[in-house]
Amino acid sequence: MAVDLVLAPKQKRAAGERCCEPVVYPDVERDQALRIAVVAKALGDPIRLQLVDVLRKHAGKVCVCELVPLFDVSQSTLSHHLKVLRGAGIVESERRGLWAYYYVLPDALKELSAWLS
């Protein structure tokens, strides 16, 4: 089925003039978008996503020594991933002697979850 399109000749616009009006505008303010992006970026790595999943399911504080056997990476690499998650405000840790115990912050994923739904 053929469609006939009427094409208008190109016209010059003044500098800074829009070609058309936006169809929709973002509902997310810039500051909120920056916060959500930090969380989304931290969760963008499969190991970090799995770490959050394990910590969330445990619903308590998990010793880093319990996490190491779950992943095929070194303890230092796992610590790096946990540091990224802490920096994004997703998890927190508590030191007990030589060991660190990690847990998901209750409201850490609320803003991302609300925006996705």
PDB file of N, CA and C in Angstrom:
ATOM      1  N   MET A   1       0.846  -1.172   0.000  1.00  0.00           N
ATOM      2  CA  MET A   1       0.000   0.000   0.000  1.00  0.00           C
ATOM      3  C   MET A   1       0.894   1.239   0.000  1.00  0.00           C
ATOM      4  N   ALA A   2       0.722   2.086  -0.950  1.00  0.00           N
ATOM      5  CA  ALA A   2       1.531   3.299  -1.094  1.00  0.00           C
ATOM      6  C   ALA A   2       0.915   4.434  -0.281  1.00  0.00           C
ATOM      7  N   VAL A   3       1.781   5.223   0.306  1.00  0.00           N
ATOM      8  CA  VAL A   3       1.351   6.379   1.081  1.00  0.00           C
ATOM      9  C   VAL A   3       1.932   7.615   0.424  1.00  0.00           C
ATOM     10  N   ASP A   4       1.085   8.586   0.156  1.00  0.00           N
ATOM     11  CA  ASP A   4       1.549   9.835  -0.437  1.00  0.00           C
ATOM     12  C   ASP A   4       1.929  10.803   0.673  1.00  0.00           C
ATOM     13  N   LEU A   5       3.175  11.231   0.663  1.00  0.00           N
ATOM     14  CA  LEU A   5       3.651  12.200   1.644  1.00  0.00           C
ATOM     15  C   LEU A   5       3.827  13.550   0.965  1.00  0.00           C
ATOM     16  N   VAL A   6       3.390  14.567   1.643  1.00  0.00           N
ATOM     17  CA  VAL A   6       3.595  15.913   1.130  1.00  0.00           C
ATOM     18  C   VAL A   6       4.837  16.450   1.820  1.00  0.00           C
ATOM     19  N   LEU A   7       5.860  16.716   1.062  1.00  0.00           N
ATOM     20  CA  LEU A   7       7.112  17.207   1.618  1.00  0.00           C
ATOM     21  C   LEU A   7       7.206  18.708   1.408  1.00  0.00           C
ATOM     22  N   ALA A   8       7.519  19.402   2.476  1.00  0.00           N
ATOM     23  CA  ALA A   8       7.683  20.849   2.397  1.00  0.00           C
ATOM     24  C   ALA A   8       9.161  21.152   2.190  1.00  0.00           C
ATOM     25  N   PRO A   9       9.472  22.191   1.451  1.00  0.00           N
ATOM     26  CA  PRO A   9      10.882  22.544   1.253  1.00  0.00           C
ATOM     27  C   PRO A   9      11.510  22.981   2.579  1.00  0.00           C
ATOM     28  N   LYS A  10      12.802  22.750   2.696  1.00  0.00           N
ATOM     29  CA  LYS A  10      13.534  23.157   3.903  1.00  0.00           C
ATOM     30  C   LYS A  10      13.452  24.666   4.065  1.00  0.00           C
ATOM     31  N   GLN A  11      13.317  25.087   5.298  1.00  0.00           N
ATOM     32  CA  GLN A  11      13.310  26.513   5.571  1.00  0.00           C
ATOM     33  C   GLN A  11      14.347  26.802   6.644  1.00  0.00           C
ATOM     34  N   LYS A  12      15.029  27.901   6.505  1.00  0.00           N
ATOM     35  CA  LYS A  12      16.041  28.292   7.490  1.00  0.00           C
ATOM     36  C   LYS A  12      15.358  28.761   8.764  1.00  0.00           C
ATOM     37  N   ARG A  13      15.938  28.343   9.882  1.00  0.00           N
ATOM     38  CA  ARG A  13      15.462  28.796  11.188  1.00  0.00           C
ATOM     39  C   ARG A  13      16.481  29.779  11.746  1.00  0.00           C
ATOM     40  N   ALA A  14      15.980  30.662  12.561  1.00  0.00           N
ATOM     41  CA  ALA A  14      16.883  31.579  13.249  1.00  0.00           C
ATOM     42  C   ALA A  14      17.716  30.783  14.252  1.00  0.00           C
ATOM     43  N   ALA A  15      18.906  31.257  14.552  1.00  0.00           N
ATOM     44  CA  ALA A  15      19.790  30.570  15.498  1.00  0.00           C
ATOM     45  C   ALA A  15      19.081  30.399  16.838  1.00  0.00           C
ATOM     46  N   GLY A  16      19.105  29.191  17.371  1.00  0.00           N
ATOM     47  CA  GLY A  16      18.488  28.902  18.664  1.00  0.00           C
ATOM     48  C   GLY A  16      17.007  28.586  18.595  1.00  0.00           C
ATOM     49  N   GLU A  17      16.396  28.746  17.442  1.00  0.00           N
ATOM     50  CA  GLU A  17      14.961  28.454  17.301  1.00  0.00           C
ATOM     51  C   GLU A  17      14.762  26.945  17.166  1.00  0.00           C
ATOM     52  N   ARG A  18      13.768  26.446  17.874  1.00  0.00           N
ATOM     53  CA  ARG A  18      13.484  25.017  17.826  1.00  0.00           C
ATOM     54  C   ARG A  18      12.854  24.632  16.501  1.00  0.00           C
ATOM     55  N   CYS A  19      13.123  23.390  16.102  1.00  0.00           N
ATOM     56  CA  CYS A  19      12.485  22.898  14.878  1.00  0.00           C
ATOM     57  C   CYS A  19      11.064  22.429  15.175  1.00  0.00           C
ATOM     58  N   CYS A  20      10.842  21.960  16.399  1.00  0.00           N
ATOM     59  CA  CYS A  20       9.513  21.504  16.777  1.00  0.00           C
ATOM     60  C   CYS A  20       9.415  21.470  18.303  1.00  0.00           C
ATOM     61  N   GLU A  21       8.225  21.337  18.808  1.00  0.00           N
ATOM     62  CA  GLU A  21       7.999  21.250  20.245  1.00  0.00           C
ATOM     63  C   GLU A  21       8.207  19.812  20.710  1.00  0.00           C
ATOM     64  N   PRO A  22       8.798  19.625  21.901  1.00  0.00           N
ATOM     65  CA  PRO A  22       8.955  18.265  22.420  1.00  0.00           C
ATOM     66  C   PRO A  22       7.592  17.598  22.623  1.00  0.00           C
ATOM     67  N   VAL A  23       7.541  16.304  22.368  1.00  0.00           N
ATOM     68  CA  VAL A  23       6.298  15.550  22.526  1.00  0.00           C
ATOM     69  C   VAL A  23       5.997  15.340  24.006  1.00  0.00           C
ATOM     70  N   VAL A  24       7.013  15.013  24.782  1.00  0.00           N
ATOM     71  CA  VAL A  24       6.864  14.829  26.226  1.00  0.00           C
ATOM     72  C   VAL A  24       8.044  15.487  26.928  1.00  0.00           C
ATOM     73  N   TYR A  25       7.850  15.764  28.188  1.00  0.00           N
ATOM     74  CA  TYR A  25       8.903  16.344  29.020  1.00  0.00           C
ATOM     75  C   TYR A  25       9.240  15.348  30.121  1.00  0.00           C
ATOM     76  N   PRO A  26      10.483  15.328  30.611  1.00  0.00           N
ATOM     77  CA  PRO A  26      10.845  14.385  31.677  1.00  0.00           C
ATOM     78  C   PRO A  26      10.143  14.728  32.986  1.00  0.00           C
ATOM     79  N   ASP A  27       9.705  13.684  33.683  1.00  0.00           N
ATOM     80  CA  ASP A  27       9.113  13.863  35.011  1.00  0.00           C
ATOM     81  C   ASP A  27      10.192  13.882  36.091  1.00  0.00           C
ATOM     82  N   VAL A  28      11.357  13.371  35.767  1.00  0.00           N
ATOM     83  CA  VAL A  28      12.448  13.266  36.729  1.00  0.00           C
ATOM     84  C   VAL A  28      13.264  14.554  36.711  1.00  0.00           C
ATOM     85  N   GLU A  29      13.387  15.163  37.868  1.00  0.00           N
ATOM     86  CA  GLU A  29      14.212  16.363  37.992  1.00  0.00           C
ATOM     87  C   GLU A  29      15.682  15.970  37.880  1.00  0.00           C
ATOM     88  N   ARG A  30      16.533  16.908  37.542  1.00  0.00           N
ATOM     89  CA  ARG A  30      17.960  16.639  37.315  1.00  0.00           C
ATOM     90  C   ARG A  30      18.630  15.979  38.525  1.00  0.00           C
ATOM     91  N   ASP A  31      18.399  16.499  39.729  1.00  0.00           N
ATOM     92  CA  ASP A  31      19.020  15.923  40.932  1.00  0.00           C
ATOM     93  C   ASP A  31      18.569  14.491  41.160  1.00  0.00           C
ATOM     94  N   GLN A  32      17.278  14.252  40.981  1.00  0.00           N
ATOM     95  CA  GLN A  32      16.746  12.903  41.153  1.00  0.00           C
ATOM     96  C   GLN A  32      17.329  11.974  40.085  1.00  0.00           C
ATOM     97  N   ALA A  33      17.452  12.442  38.865  1.00  0.00           N
ATOM     98  CA  ALA A  33      18.023  11.636  37.781  1.00  0.00           C
ATOM     99  C   ALA A  33      19.466  11.258  38.089  1.00  0.00           C
ATOM    100  N   LEU A  34      20.214  12.186  38.652  1.00  0.00           N
ATOM    101  CA  LEU A  34      21.600  11.899  39.021  1.00  0.00           C
ATOM    102  C   LEU A  34      21.674  10.823  40.103  1.00  0.00           C
ATOM    103  N   ARG A  35      20.798  10.912  41.112  1.00  0.00           N
ATOM    104  CA  ARG A  35      20.783   9.897  42.189  1.00  0.00           C
ATOM    105  C   ARG A  35      20.406   8.528  41.638  1.00  0.00           C
ATOM    106  N   ILE A  36      19.365   8.482  40.808  1.00  0.00           N
ATOM    107  CA  ILE A  36      18.917   7.214  40.230  1.00  0.00           C
ATOM    108  C   ILE A  36      20.012   6.629  39.335  1.00  0.00           C
ATOM    109  N   ALA A  37      20.703   7.476  38.585  1.00  0.00           N
ATOM    110  CA  ALA A  37      21.759   7.006  37.689  1.00  0.00           C
ATOM    111  C   ALA A  37      22.915   6.374  38.456  1.00  0.00           C
ATOM    112  N   VAL A  38      23.264   6.929  39.604  1.00  0.00           N
ATOM    113  CA  VAL A  38      24.341   6.362  40.422  1.00  0.00           C
ATOM    114  C   VAL A  38      23.960   4.947  40.879  1.00  0.00           C
ATOM    115  N   VAL A  39      22.721   4.785  41.327  1.00  0.00           N
ATOM    116  CA  VAL A  39      22.246   3.467  41.768  1.00  0.00           C
ATOM    117  C   VAL A  39      22.186   2.503  40.594  1.00  0.00           C
ATOM    118  N   ALA A  40      21.638   2.956  39.473  1.00  0.00           N
ATOM    119  CA  ALA A  40      21.520   2.090  38.297  1.00  0.00           C
ATOM    120  C   ALA A  40      22.896   1.676  37.780  1.00  0.00           C
ATOM    121  N   LYS A  41      23.844   2.593  37.793  1.00  0.00           N
ATOM    122  CA  LYS A  41      25.198   2.273  37.331  1.00  0.00           C
ATOM    123  C   LYS A  41      25.843   1.244  38.253  1.00  0.00           C
ATOM    124  N   ALA A  42      25.657   1.400  39.545  1.00  0.00           N
ATOM    125  CA  ALA A  42      26.222   0.432  40.499  1.00  0.00           C
ATOM    126  C   ALA A  42      25.618  -0.950  40.292  1.00  0.00           C
ATOM    127  N   LEU A  43      24.339  -1.003  39.946  1.00  0.00           N
ATOM    128  CA  LEU A  43      23.670  -2.286  39.720  1.00  0.00           C
ATOM    129  C   LEU A  43      23.918  -2.833  38.310  1.00  0.00           C
ATOM    130  N   GLY A  44      24.626  -2.076  37.484  1.00  0.00           N
ATOM    131  CA  GLY A  44      24.864  -2.471  36.106  1.00  0.00           C
ATOM    132  C   GLY A  44      25.878  -3.592  35.930  1.00  0.00           C
ATOM    133  N   ASP A  45      26.519  -3.990  36.982  1.00  0.00           N
ATOM    134  CA  ASP A  45      27.472  -5.096  36.918  1.00  0.00           C
ATOM    135  C   ASP A  45      26.801  -6.359  37.450  1.00  0.00           C
ATOM    136  N   PRO A  46      26.922  -7.488  36.745  1.00  0.00           N
ATOM    137  CA  PRO A  46      26.242  -8.720  37.177  1.00  0.00           C
ATOM    138  C   PRO A  46      26.618  -9.172  38.591  1.00  0.00           C
ATOM    139  N   ILE A  47      27.888  -9.044  38.965  1.00  0.00           N
ATOM    140  CA  ILE A  47      28.298  -9.471  40.309  1.00  0.00           C
ATOM    141  C   ILE A  47      27.658  -8.586  41.361  1.00  0.00           C
ATOM    142  N   ARG A  48      27.634  -7.282  41.115  1.00  0.00           N
ATOM    143  CA  ARG A  48      27.016  -6.369  42.091  1.00  0.00           C
ATOM    144  C   ARG A  48      25.522  -6.618  42.204  1.00  0.00           C
ATOM    145  N   LEU A  49      24.885  -6.898  41.087  1.00  0.00           N
ATOM    146  CA  LEU A  49      23.459  -7.216  41.112  1.00  0.00           C
ATOM    147  C   LEU A  49      23.220  -8.486  41.937  1.00  0.00           C
ATOM    148  N   GLN A  50      24.067  -9.493  41.744  1.00  0.00           N
ATOM    149  CA  GLN A  50      23.935 -10.735  42.512  1.00  0.00           C
ATOM    150  C   GLN A  50      24.249 -10.509  43.992  1.00  0.00           C
ATOM    151  N   LEU A  51      25.218  -9.657  44.282  1.00  0.00           N
ATOM    152  CA  LEU A  51      25.523  -9.342  45.683  1.00  0.00           C
ATOM    153  C   LEU A  51      24.316  -8.725  46.376  1.00  0.00           C
ATOM    154  N   VAL A  52      23.690  -7.760  45.723  1.00  0.00           N
ATOM    155  CA  VAL A  52      22.505  -7.125  46.303  1.00  0.00           C
ATOM    156  C   VAL A  52      21.398  -8.156  46.485  1.00  0.00           C
ATOM    157  N   ASP A  53      21.245  -9.051  45.521  1.00  0.00           N
ATOM    158  CA  ASP A  53      20.231 -10.101  45.618  1.00  0.00           C
ATOM    159  C   ASP A  53      20.478 -10.996  46.832  1.00  0.00           C
ATOM    160  N   VAL A  54      21.721 -11.414  47.021  1.00  0.00           N
ATOM    161  CA  VAL A  54      22.063 -12.272  48.169  1.00  0.00           C
ATOM    162  C   VAL A  54      21.823 -11.528  49.481  1.00  0.00           C
ATOM    163  N   LEU A  55      22.305 -10.286  49.555  1.00  0.00           N
ATOM    164  CA  LEU A  55      22.147  -9.512  50.791  1.00  0.00           C
ATOM    165  C   LEU A  55      20.676  -9.215  51.087  1.00  0.00           C
ATOM    166  N   ARG A  56      19.916  -8.948  50.046  1.00  0.00           N
ATOM    167  CA  ARG A  56      18.485  -8.661  50.219  1.00  0.00           C
ATOM    168  C   ARG A  56      17.745  -9.894  50.725  1.00  0.00           C
ATOM    169  N   LYS A  57      18.055 -11.055  50.152  1.00  0.00           N
ATOM    170  CA  LYS A  57      17.396 -12.299  50.558  1.00  0.00           C
ATOM    171  C   LYS A  57      17.779 -12.702  51.970  1.00  0.00           C
ATOM    172  N   HIS A  58      19.017 -12.402  52.349  1.00  0.00           N
ATOM    173  CA  HIS A  58      19.473 -12.775  53.695  1.00  0.00           C
ATOM    174  C   HIS A  58      18.751 -11.958  54.756  1.00  0.00           C
ATOM    175  N   ALA A  59      18.416 -10.730  54.414  1.00  0.00           N
ATOM    176  CA  ALA A  59      17.681  -9.821  55.308  1.00  0.00           C
ATOM    177  C   ALA A  59      18.369  -9.652  56.657  1.00  0.00           C
ATOM    178  N   GLY A  60      19.667  -9.660  56.641  1.00  0.00           N
ATOM    179  CA  GLY A  60      20.449  -9.436  57.855  1.00  0.00           C
ATOM    180  C   GLY A  60      21.845  -9.044  57.452  1.00  0.00           C
ATOM    181  N   LYS A  61      22.755  -9.098  58.381  1.00  0.00           N
ATOM    182  CA  LYS A  61      24.138  -8.739  58.095  1.00  0.00           C
ATOM    183  C   LYS A  61      24.907  -9.997  57.709  1.00  0.00           C
ATOM    184  N   VAL A  62      25.588  -9.922  56.578  1.00  0.00           N
ATOM    185  CA  VAL A  62      26.310 -11.075  56.043  1.00  0.00           C
ATOM    186  C   VAL A  62      27.807 -10.772  56.071  1.00  0.00           C
ATOM    187  N   CYS A  63      28.561 -11.708  56.621  1.00  0.00           N
ATOM    188  CA  CYS A  63      30.012 -11.562  56.679  1.00  0.00           C
ATOM    189  C   CYS A  63      30.583 -11.707  55.279  1.00  0.00           C
ATOM    190  N   VAL A  64      31.581 -10.890  54.982  1.00  0.00           N
ATOM    191  CA  VAL A  64      32.225 -10.956  53.677  1.00  0.00           C
ATOM    192  C   VAL A  64      32.808 -12.346  53.436  1.00  0.00           C
ATOM    193  N   CYS A  65      33.207 -13.038  54.493  1.00  0.00           N
ATOM    194  CA  CYS A  65      33.759 -14.387  54.328  1.00  0.00           C
ATOM    195  C   CYS A  65      32.702 -15.376  53.833  1.00  0.00           C
ATOM    196  N   GLU A  66      31.426 -15.073  54.048  1.00  0.00           N
ATOM    197  CA  GLU A  66      30.339 -15.910  53.537  1.00  0.00           C
ATOM    198  C   GLU A  66      30.031 -15.595  52.065  1.00  0.00           C
ATOM    199  N   LEU A  67      30.393 -14.399  51.629  1.00  0.00           N
ATOM    200  CA  LEU A  67      30.110 -13.982  50.254  1.00  0.00           C
ATOM    201  C   LEU A  67      31.158 -14.473  49.262  1.00  0.00           C
ATOM    202  N   VAL A  68      32.410 -14.531  49.686  1.00  0.00           N
ATOM    203  CA  VAL A  68      33.512 -14.900  48.785  1.00  0.00           C
ATOM    204  C   VAL A  68      33.274 -16.234  48.075  1.00  0.00           C
ATOM    205  N   PRO A  69      32.854 -17.303  48.769  1.00  0.00           N
ATOM    206  CA  PRO A  69      32.674 -18.581  48.066  1.00  0.00           C
ATOM    207  C   PRO A  69      31.547 -18.580  47.017  1.00  0.00           C
ATOM    208  N   LEU A  70      30.664 -17.599  47.057  1.00  0.00           N
ATOM    209  CA  LEU A  70      29.536 -17.547  46.132  1.00  0.00           C
ATOM    210  C   LEU A  70      29.924 -17.044  44.738  1.00  0.00           C
ATOM    211  N   PHE A  71      31.082 -16.420  44.629  1.00  0.00           N
ATOM    212  CA  PHE A  71      31.474 -15.784  43.375  1.00  0.00           C
ATOM    213  C   PHE A  71      32.848 -16.264  42.940  1.00  0.00           C
ATOM    214  N   ASP A  72      33.043 -16.313  41.643  1.00  0.00           N
ATOM    215  CA  ASP A  72      34.301 -16.775  41.077  1.00  0.00           C
ATOM    216  C   ASP A  72      35.251 -15.599  40.862  1.00  0.00           C
ATOM    217  N   VAL A  73      35.466 -14.829  41.922  1.00  0.00           N
ATOM    218  CA  VAL A  73      36.394 -13.695  41.891  1.00  0.00           C
ATOM    219  C   VAL A  73      37.185 -13.692  43.196  1.00  0.00           C
ATOM    220  N   SER A  74      38.266 -12.958  43.206  1.00  0.00           N
ATOM    221  CA  SER A  74      39.080 -12.880  44.417  1.00  0.00           C
ATOM    222  C   SER A  74      38.366 -12.048  45.489  1.00  0.00           C
ATOM    223  N   GLN A  75      38.857 -12.179  46.707  1.00  0.00           N
ATOM    224  CA  GLN A  75      38.274 -11.426  47.812  1.00  0.00           C
ATOM    225  C   GLN A  75      38.445  -9.922  47.581  1.00  0.00           C
ATOM    226  N   SER A  76      39.574  -9.519  47.012  1.00  0.00           N
ATOM    227  CA  SER A  76      39.800  -8.083  46.775  1.00  0.00           C
ATOM    228  C   SER A  76      38.852  -7.539  45.699  1.00  0.00           C
ATOM    229  N   THR A  77      38.556  -8.338  44.688  1.00  0.00           N
ATOM    230  CA  THR A  77      37.601  -7.916  43.654  1.00  0.00           C
ATOM    231  C   THR A  77      36.206  -7.799  44.245  1.00  0.00           C
ATOM    232  N   LEU A  78      35.845  -8.762  45.078  1.00  0.00           N
ATOM    233  CA  LEU A  78      34.533  -8.712  45.733  1.00  0.00           C
ATOM    234  C   LEU A  78      34.438  -7.474  46.630  1.00  0.00           C
ATOM    235  N   SER A  79      35.524  -7.170  47.337  1.00  0.00           N
ATOM    236  CA  SER A  79      35.545  -5.972  48.187  1.00  0.00           C
ATOM    237  C   SER A  79      35.376  -4.712  47.355  1.00  0.00           C
ATOM    238  N   HIS A  80      35.964  -4.688  46.169  1.00  0.00           N
ATOM    239  CA  HIS A  80      35.796  -3.532  45.273  1.00  0.00           C
ATOM    240  C   HIS A  80      34.321  -3.366  44.895  1.00  0.00           C
ATOM    241  N   HIS A  81      33.660  -4.468  44.541  1.00  0.00           N
ATOM    242  CA  HIS A  81      32.242  -4.405  44.180  1.00  0.00           C
ATOM    243  C   HIS A  81      31.405  -3.915  45.361  1.00  0.00           C
ATOM    244  N   LEU A  82      31.717  -4.379  46.542  1.00  0.00           N
ATOM    245  CA  LEU A  82      30.986  -3.938  47.740  1.00  0.00           C
ATOM    246  C   LEU A  82      31.243  -2.457  48.007  1.00  0.00           C
ATOM    247  N   LYS A  83      32.451  -1.999  47.738  1.00  0.00           N
ATOM    248  CA  LYS A  83      32.774  -0.575  47.908  1.00  0.00           C
ATOM    249  C   LYS A  83      31.944   0.280  46.957  1.00  0.00           C
ATOM    250  N   VAL A  84      31.797  -0.170  45.711  1.00  0.00           N
ATOM    251  CA  VAL A  84      30.976   0.561  44.730  1.00  0.00           C
ATOM    252  C   VAL A  84      29.526   0.621  45.212  1.00  0.00           C
ATOM    253  N   LEU A  85      29.006  -0.490  45.721  1.00  0.00           N
ATOM    254  CA  LEU A  85      27.628  -0.525  46.230  1.00  0.00           C
ATOM    255  C   LEU A  85      27.463   0.382  47.447  1.00  0.00           C
ATOM    256  N   ARG A  86      28.473   0.433  48.303  1.00  0.00           N
ATOM    257  CA  ARG A  86      28.430   1.346  49.450  1.00  0.00           C
ATOM    258  C   ARG A  86      28.448   2.791  48.974  1.00  0.00           C
ATOM    259  N   GLY A  87      29.296   3.090  47.996  1.00  0.00           N
ATOM    260  CA  GLY A  87      29.388   4.450  47.452  1.00  0.00           C
ATOM    261  C   GLY A  87      28.086   4.924  46.829  1.00  0.00           C
ATOM    262  N   ALA A  88      27.321   3.987  46.278  1.00  0.00           N
ATOM    263  CA  ALA A  88      26.030   4.325  45.667  1.00  0.00           C
ATOM    264  C   ALA A  88      24.917   4.396  46.708  1.00  0.00           C
ATOM    265  N   GLY A  89      25.235   4.055  47.963  1.00  0.00           N
ATOM    266  CA  GLY A  89      24.233   4.112  49.025  1.00  0.00           C
ATOM    267  C   GLY A  89      23.273   2.934  49.029  1.00  0.00           C
ATOM    268  N   ILE A  90      23.684   1.817  48.411  1.00  0.00           N
ATOM    269  CA  ILE A  90      22.815   0.644  48.338  1.00  0.00           C
ATOM    270  C   ILE A  90      23.038  -0.284  49.521  1.00  0.00           C
ATOM    271  N   VAL A  91      24.295  -0.473  49.888  1.00  0.00           N
ATOM    272  CA  VAL A  91      24.615  -1.327  51.032  1.00  0.00           C
ATOM    273  C   VAL A  91      25.441  -0.546  52.035  1.00  0.00           C
ATOM    274  N   GLU A  92      25.502  -1.085  53.217  1.00  0.00           N
ATOM    275  CA  GLU A  92      26.316  -0.515  54.282  1.00  0.00           C
ATOM    276  C   GLU A  92      27.027  -1.668  54.964  1.00  0.00           C
ATOM    277  N   SER A  93      28.060  -1.354  55.718  1.00  0.00           N
ATOM    278  CA  SER A  93      28.801  -2.406  56.399  1.00  0.00           C
ATOM    279  C   SER A  93      29.041  -2.035  57.848  1.00  0.00           C
ATOM    280  N   GLU A  94      29.349  -3.081  58.607  1.00  0.00           N
ATOM    281  CA  GLU A  94      29.661  -2.925  60.027  1.00  0.00           C
ATOM    282  C   GLU A  94      30.877  -3.787  60.297  1.00  0.00           C
ATOM    283  N   ARG A  95      31.874  -3.215  60.946  1.00  0.00           N
ATOM    284  CA  ARG A  95      33.089  -3.966  61.264  1.00  0.00           C
ATOM    285  C   ARG A  95      32.924  -4.658  62.602  1.00  0.00           C
ATOM    286  N   ARG A  96      33.325  -5.933  62.630  1.00  0.00           N
ATOM    287  CA  ARG A  96      33.384  -6.708  63.868  1.00  0.00           C
ATOM    288  C   ARG A  96      34.728  -7.422  63.871  1.00  0.00           C
ATOM    289  N   GLY A  97      35.666  -6.872  64.595  1.00  0.00           N
ATOM    290  CA  GLY A  97      37.008  -7.441  64.599  1.00  0.00           C
ATOM    291  C   GLY A  97      37.634  -7.318  63.223  1.00  0.00           C
ATOM    292  N   LEU A  98      38.067  -8.443  62.666  1.00  0.00           N
ATOM    293  CA  LEU A  98      38.708  -8.446  61.356  1.00  0.00           C
ATOM    294  C   LEU A  98      37.725  -8.475  60.203  1.00  0.00           C
ATOM    295  N   TRP A  99      36.478  -8.791  60.475  1.00  0.00           N
ATOM    296  CA  TRP A  99      35.508  -9.023  59.407  1.00  0.00           C
ATOM    297  C   TRP A  99      34.538  -7.859  59.246  1.00  0.00           C
ATOM    298  N   ALA A 100      34.065  -7.710  58.018  1.00  0.00           N
ATOM    299  CA  ALA A 100      33.043  -6.708  57.718  1.00  0.00           C
ATOM    300  C   ALA A 100      31.749  -7.452  57.398  1.00  0.00           C
ATOM    301  N   TYR A 101      30.659  -6.952  57.933  1.00  0.00           N
ATOM    302  CA  TYR A 101      29.334  -7.528  57.701  1.00  0.00           C
ATOM    303  C   TYR A 101      28.528  -6.533  56.875  1.00  0.00           C
ATOM    304  N   TYR A 102      27.949  -7.007  55.777  1.00  0.00           N
ATOM    305  CA  TYR A 102      27.245  -6.145  54.842  1.00  0.00           C
ATOM    306  C   TYR A 102      25.750  -6.390  54.889  1.00  0.00           C
ATOM    307  N   TYR A 103      24.994  -5.341  54.585  1.00  0.00           N
ATOM    308  CA  TYR A 103      23.541  -5.431  54.524  1.00  0.00           C
ATOM    309  C   TYR A 103      23.007  -4.353  53.580  1.00  0.00           C
ATOM    310  N   VAL A 104      21.843  -4.620  53.000  1.00  0.00           N
ATOM    311  CA  VAL A 104      21.201  -3.664  52.101  1.00  0.00           C
ATOM    312  C   VAL A 104      20.477  -2.615  52.942  1.00  0.00           C
ATOM    313  N   LEU A 105      20.645  -1.366  52.584  1.00  0.00           N
ATOM    314  CA  LEU A 105      19.919  -0.289  53.272  1.00  0.00           C
ATOM    315  C   LEU A 105      18.447  -0.367  52.863  1.00  0.00           C
ATOM    316  N   PRO A 106      17.540  -0.298  53.822  1.00  0.00           N
ATOM    317  CA  PRO A 106      16.110  -0.516  53.533  1.00  0.00           C
ATOM    318  C   PRO A 106      15.523   0.346  52.423  1.00  0.00           C
ATOM    319  N   ASP A 107      15.858   1.609  52.358  1.00  0.00           N
ATOM    320  CA  ASP A 107      15.251   2.508  51.369  1.00  0.00           C
ATOM    321  C   ASP A 107      16.145   2.759  50.158  1.00  0.00           C
ATOM    322  N   ALA A 108      17.231   2.011  50.037  1.00  0.00           N
ATOM    323  CA  ALA A 108      18.226   2.274  48.998  1.00  0.00           C
ATOM    324  C   ALA A 108      17.674   2.159  47.585  1.00  0.00           C
ATOM    325  N   LEU A 109      16.800   1.225  47.341  1.00  0.00           N
ATOM    326  CA  LEU A 109      16.300   0.987  45.989  1.00  0.00           C
ATOM    327  C   LEU A 109      14.904   1.545  45.774  1.00  0.00           C
ATOM    328  N   LYS A 110      14.375   2.221  46.783  1.00  0.00           N
ATOM    329  CA  LYS A 110      12.999   2.729  46.711  1.00  0.00           C
ATOM    330  C   LYS A 110      12.804   3.731  45.575  1.00  0.00           C
ATOM    331  N   GLU A 111      13.715   4.681  45.440  1.00  0.00           N
ATOM    332  CA  GLU A 111      13.572   5.726  44.416  1.00  0.00           C
ATOM    333  C   GLU A 111      13.672   5.120  43.007  1.00  0.00           C
ATOM    334  N   LEU A 112      14.631   4.210  42.806  1.00  0.00           N
ATOM    335  CA  LEU A 112      14.766   3.540  41.507  1.00  0.00           C
ATOM    336  C   LEU A 112      13.540   2.699  41.215  1.00  0.00           C
ATOM    337  N   SER A 113      13.067   1.973  42.203  1.00  0.00           N
ATOM    338  CA  SER A 113      11.890   1.123  42.047  1.00  0.00           C
ATOM    339  C   SER A 113      10.646   1.950  41.711  1.00  0.00           C
ATOM    340  N   ALA A 114      10.474   3.063  42.397  1.00  0.00           N
ATOM    341  CA  ALA A 114       9.314   3.929  42.150  1.00  0.00           C
ATOM    342  C   ALA A 114       9.365   4.497  40.735  1.00  0.00           C
ATOM    343  N   TRP A 115      10.551   4.887  40.285  1.00  0.00           N
ATOM    344  CA  TRP A 115      10.667   5.440  38.948  1.00  0.00           C
ATOM    345  C   TRP A 115      10.394   4.378  37.893  1.00  0.00           C
ATOM    346  N   LEU A 116      10.850   3.148  38.124  1.00  0.00           N
ATOM    347  CA  LEU A 116      10.628   2.059  37.155  1.00  0.00           C
ATOM    348  C   LEU A 116       9.177   1.637  37.071  1.00  0.00           C
ATOM    349  N   SER A 117       8.422   1.824  38.148  1.00  0.00           N
ATOM    350  CA  SER A 117       7.010   1.407  38.103  1.00  0.00           C
ATOM    351  C   SER A 117       6.121   2.557  37.841  1.00  0.00           C
TER     352      SER A 117
END
